[in-house]
Amino acid sequence: MKILDCEYPDGLLYDVEDGTWARESDGIYVIGVAPTLGWLSGGFESVKLKSVGTRVARGQSIGSVEGPRHFDVVRAPFDCTVVERNGAVLDSPRLVNKSPYHDGWLAKLKQTGEETSLAPLAQCAANVRSRLLELRVHCFAAFPDMEIYEIGVECAAVLSKLDEIIAVSPAETTIHVVSDDPTAAIEMERWERQTGNSLLEARRDGTLFHFIVKKR
């Protein structure tokens, strides 16, 4: 299910205030970060998690995530014990942005208390929407590896800069391009056809044009 262009899969549980999700199996909960924190923070630069075996009370920290725009504590939705950490996100924090519901999970917790702040999407979708609006979170088709903001610059110059970045970037690199040139939408479509790279999303927000492109 998409809420304001942000992906919130059905079948998971959510802690709206903390910005996390959970999936339960045999009393063990996999915990991860929902789009609220991922897009609010920018590309995560640091993920820290409590050690395996640590007992954590509901509302207390199981770790933290930090990006260029925001730092936040990830809190336990119930009394629990940390039974596993995802070492991959400790080594590559951006995995949390790129694959929040799959490879980018944070930790596995064993619930030890009954009270919980988790709720199914059917019960909290309206609160999720309100939270996204409150924080002014904007989600796009893919999380970018880098961003290009070119305001007051002709689109030809923006595309020249984009080409330079693409040329030295590995395949599958994703870039968020922002321009206020009125011809940007047309020029980006032409750029996609000419270069063979992918224009994943084009969106207008007031006078600004947002594009998500991926190198072939």
Protein backbone atom coordinates (compact mmCIF):
# COMPACT_ATOMS: atom_id res chain seq x y z
CA MET A 1 0.00 0.00 0.00
CA LYS A 2 1.25 3.48 -0.84
CA ILE A 3 0.57 6.41 1.46
CA LEU A 4 1.59 9.77 -0.04
CA ASP A 5 3.91 7.89 -2.45
CA CYS A 6 5.60 6.06 0.44
CA GLU A 7 5.49 2.26 0.49
CA TYR A 8 3.86 0.66 3.55
CA PRO A 9 3.29 -3.07 2.89
CA ASP A 10 0.20 -4.75 4.28
CA GLY A 11 0.86 -7.65 6.62
CA LEU A 12 3.41 -5.78 8.74
CA LEU A 13 3.02 -4.02 12.08
CA TYR A 14 3.97 -0.36 12.50
CA ASP A 15 5.05 1.96 15.28
CA VAL A 16 3.97 5.26 13.75
CA GLU A 17 5.61 7.56 16.30
CA ASP A 18 8.95 5.77 16.16
CA GLY A 19 8.90 5.29 12.39
CA THR A 20 9.54 1.55 12.48
CA TRP A 21 7.94 -1.66 11.19
CA ALA A 22 7.92 -5.21 12.50
CA ARG A 23 7.26 -8.72 11.19
CA GLU A 24 6.53 -11.55 13.66
CA SER A 25 7.33 -15.24 13.39
CA ASP A 26 7.17 -17.66 16.33
CA GLY A 27 7.49 -14.89 18.90
CA ILE A 28 10.53 -13.29 17.20
CA TYR A 29 10.07 -9.87 15.64
CA VAL A 30 12.18 -8.51 12.79
CA ILE A 31 12.42 -4.72 13.23
CA GLY A 32 13.23 -2.18 10.53
CA VAL A 33 12.90 1.48 9.60
CA ALA A 34 9.84 2.66 7.67
CA PRO A 35 10.01 5.37 4.96
CA THR A 36 9.24 8.11 7.49
CA LEU A 37 12.77 8.01 8.89
CA GLY A 38 14.49 6.87 5.71
CA TRP A 39 13.41 9.81 3.59
CA LEU A 40 13.47 12.31 6.45
CA SER A 41 17.10 11.56 7.25
CA GLY A 42 18.57 11.23 3.77
CA GLY A 43 21.07 8.50 3.01
CA PHE A 44 21.98 6.87 6.30
CA GLU A 45 25.63 7.30 7.22
CA SER A 46 25.56 5.46 10.54
CA VAL A 47 23.58 2.61 12.10
CA LYS A 48 24.26 1.52 15.67
CA LEU A 49 22.52 -1.39 17.38
CA LYS A 50 22.50 -2.89 20.88
CA SER A 51 24.47 -6.11 21.36
CA VAL A 52 22.84 -9.52 21.13
CA GLY A 53 21.51 -10.53 24.55
CA THR A 54 20.73 -6.96 25.63
CA ARG A 55 17.42 -6.60 27.45
CA VAL A 56 15.48 -3.50 26.47
CA ALA A 57 12.33 -2.06 28.02
CA ARG A 58 9.50 -0.76 25.86
CA GLY A 59 10.31 2.75 24.62
CA GLN A 60 14.02 2.39 25.27
CA SER A 61 16.71 2.41 22.59
CA ILE A 62 17.65 -0.66 20.59
CA GLY A 63 19.92 1.49 18.44
CA SER A 64 20.16 4.64 16.35
CA VAL A 65 20.21 5.77 12.73
CA GLU A 66 21.81 8.94 11.39
CA GLY A 67 21.77 10.69 8.03
CA PRO A 68 22.90 14.11 6.80
CA ARG A 69 19.57 15.70 7.76
CA HIS A 70 18.43 13.83 10.86
CA PHE A 71 19.48 11.64 13.80
CA ASP A 72 16.99 9.37 15.51
CA VAL A 73 16.84 6.69 18.18
CA VAL A 74 15.13 3.41 17.27
CA ARG A 75 13.00 2.38 20.24
CA ALA A 76 11.73 -1.03 21.31
CA PRO A 77 7.96 -1.37 20.74
CA PHE A 78 7.73 -3.75 23.73
CA ASP A 79 9.91 -5.23 26.48
CA CYS A 80 12.34 -7.49 24.65
CA THR A 81 15.74 -9.11 24.26
CA VAL A 82 17.92 -8.51 21.21
CA VAL A 83 18.53 -11.95 19.64
CA GLU A 84 20.18 -10.93 16.35
CA ARG A 85 21.62 -7.88 14.63
CA ASN A 86 21.86 -7.31 10.88
CA GLY A 87 25.59 -6.93 10.39
CA ALA A 88 25.07 -5.87 6.77
CA VAL A 89 23.50 -2.54 7.76
CA LEU A 90 26.25 -1.84 10.28
CA ASP A 91 28.75 -2.11 7.42
CA SER A 92 26.52 -0.47 4.77
CA PRO A 93 24.00 1.89 6.42
CA ARG A 94 22.45 2.92 3.08
CA LEU A 95 21.05 -0.57 2.76
CA VAL A 96 18.38 0.62 5.20
CA ASN A 97 17.32 3.26 2.65
CA LYS A 98 17.64 1.03 -0.40
CA SER A 99 15.85 -2.05 0.92
CA PRO A 100 14.01 -1.06 4.13
CA TYR A 101 11.63 -4.05 4.20
CA HIS A 102 14.06 -6.73 3.08
CA ASP A 103 17.88 -6.65 3.25
CA GLY A 104 17.86 -3.44 5.29
CA TRP A 105 16.19 -4.80 8.44
CA LEU A 106 17.86 -3.79 11.72
CA ALA A 107 17.44 -6.41 14.43
CA LYS A 108 15.46 -9.40 15.67
CA LEU A 109 13.78 -9.08 19.05
CA LYS A 110 12.23 -11.63 21.38
CA GLN A 111 9.18 -10.12 23.05
CA THR A 112 9.16 -10.40 26.84
CA GLY A 113 6.31 -8.03 27.73
CA GLU A 114 2.71 -7.87 26.55
CA GLU A 115 2.24 -4.12 26.03
CA THR A 116 3.15 -2.95 22.57
CA SER A 117 3.11 0.20 20.45
CA LEU A 118 2.76 -1.78 17.21
CA ALA A 119 -0.43 -1.84 15.13
CA PRO A 120 -1.49 -3.33 11.79
CA LEU A 121 -1.69 -0.93 8.84
CA ALA A 122 -5.49 -1.10 8.76
CA GLN A 123 -5.55 0.53 12.20
CA CYS A 124 -2.82 3.12 11.76
CA ALA A 125 -2.87 4.17 8.07
CA ALA A 126 -4.53 7.50 8.90
CA ASN A 127 -1.88 8.20 11.55
CA VAL A 128 0.89 7.30 9.09
CA ARG A 129 -0.52 9.80 6.59
CA SER A 130 -0.73 12.52 9.26
CA ARG A 131 2.84 11.80 10.35
CA LEU A 132 4.18 12.04 6.80
CA LEU A 133 2.39 15.36 6.30
CA GLU A 134 3.61 16.68 9.64
CA LEU A 135 7.24 15.86 8.84
CA ARG A 136 6.88 16.88 5.16
CA VAL A 137 8.29 13.57 4.01
CA HIS A 138 8.40 12.99 0.25
CA CYS A 139 9.11 9.50 -1.10
CA PHE A 140 10.20 8.67 -4.64
CA ALA A 141 10.34 5.56 -6.81
CA ALA A 142 13.86 4.67 -5.64
CA PHE A 143 16.21 6.01 -3.00
CA PRO A 144 19.01 7.97 -4.72
CA ASP A 145 22.71 7.39 -4.31
CA MET A 146 23.23 11.12 -4.85
CA GLU A 147 21.31 14.33 -5.52
CA ILE A 148 21.75 17.20 -7.98
CA TYR A 149 20.03 20.49 -7.11
CA GLU A 150 20.32 23.01 -9.94
CA ILE A 151 18.08 26.03 -9.39
CA GLY A 152 18.24 28.93 -11.83
CA VAL A 153 20.30 26.85 -14.25
CA GLU A 154 19.30 25.97 -17.81
CA CYS A 155 18.38 22.33 -18.29
CA ALA A 156 21.15 21.85 -20.86
CA ALA A 157 23.72 22.66 -18.18
CA VAL A 158 21.97 20.36 -15.70
CA LEU A 159 22.08 17.49 -18.18
CA SER A 160 25.75 18.17 -18.90
CA LYS A 161 26.52 17.83 -15.20
CA LEU A 162 24.35 14.71 -14.98
CA ASP A 163 26.24 13.15 -17.89
CA GLU A 164 29.57 13.83 -16.17
CA ILE A 165 28.37 12.12 -13.00
CA ILE A 166 26.86 9.17 -14.88
CA ALA A 167 30.09 8.66 -16.81
CA VAL A 168 32.12 7.96 -13.66
CA SER A 169 29.40 6.12 -11.71
CA PRO A 170 28.85 2.35 -11.61
CA ALA A 171 25.85 0.72 -13.27
CA GLU A 172 22.55 1.00 -11.38
CA THR A 173 23.57 4.30 -9.75
CA THR A 174 20.41 6.26 -8.94
CA ILE A 175 20.35 10.06 -8.96
CA HIS A 176 17.73 12.58 -7.80
CA VAL A 177 17.77 15.62 -10.09
CA VAL A 178 15.96 18.83 -9.12
CA SER A 179 15.50 21.68 -11.61
CA ASP A 180 13.29 24.74 -12.00
CA ASP A 181 13.78 25.04 -15.78
CA PRO A 182 10.29 24.95 -17.40
CA THR A 183 11.64 22.73 -20.20
CA ALA A 184 13.06 20.17 -17.78
CA ALA A 185 10.36 17.52 -18.24
CA ILE A 186 10.70 17.48 -22.03
CA GLU A 187 14.49 17.56 -21.92
CA MET A 188 14.70 14.71 -19.41
CA GLU A 189 12.51 12.48 -21.59
CA ARG A 190 14.75 13.28 -24.57
CA TRP A 191 17.83 12.53 -22.44
CA GLU A 192 16.42 9.13 -21.50
CA ARG A 193 15.85 8.20 -25.16
CA GLN A 194 19.28 9.40 -26.28
CA THR A 195 21.37 7.87 -23.49
CA GLY A 196 19.48 4.65 -22.80
CA ASN A 197 19.49 5.39 -19.07
CA SER A 198 16.23 5.09 -17.14
CA LEU A 199 13.95 7.89 -16.00
CA LEU A 200 12.23 6.13 -13.10
CA GLU A 201 10.04 9.02 -11.99
CA ALA A 202 9.21 12.60 -12.92
CA ARG A 203 7.26 14.80 -10.55
CA ARG A 204 6.42 18.49 -10.31
CA ASP A 205 6.15 20.28 -6.97
CA GLY A 206 5.26 23.92 -7.48
CA THR A 207 8.00 25.43 -9.64
CA LEU A 208 10.39 22.53 -9.05
CA PHE A 209 10.77 19.42 -11.16
CA HIS A 210 12.01 16.22 -9.50
CA PHE A 211 13.49 13.34 -11.49
CA ILE A 212 14.78 9.96 -10.40
CA VAL A 213 17.18 8.51 -12.98
CA LYS A 214 19.20 5.30 -13.00
CA LYS A 215 22.32 4.48 -14.99
CA ARG A 216 21.84 1.51 -17.28
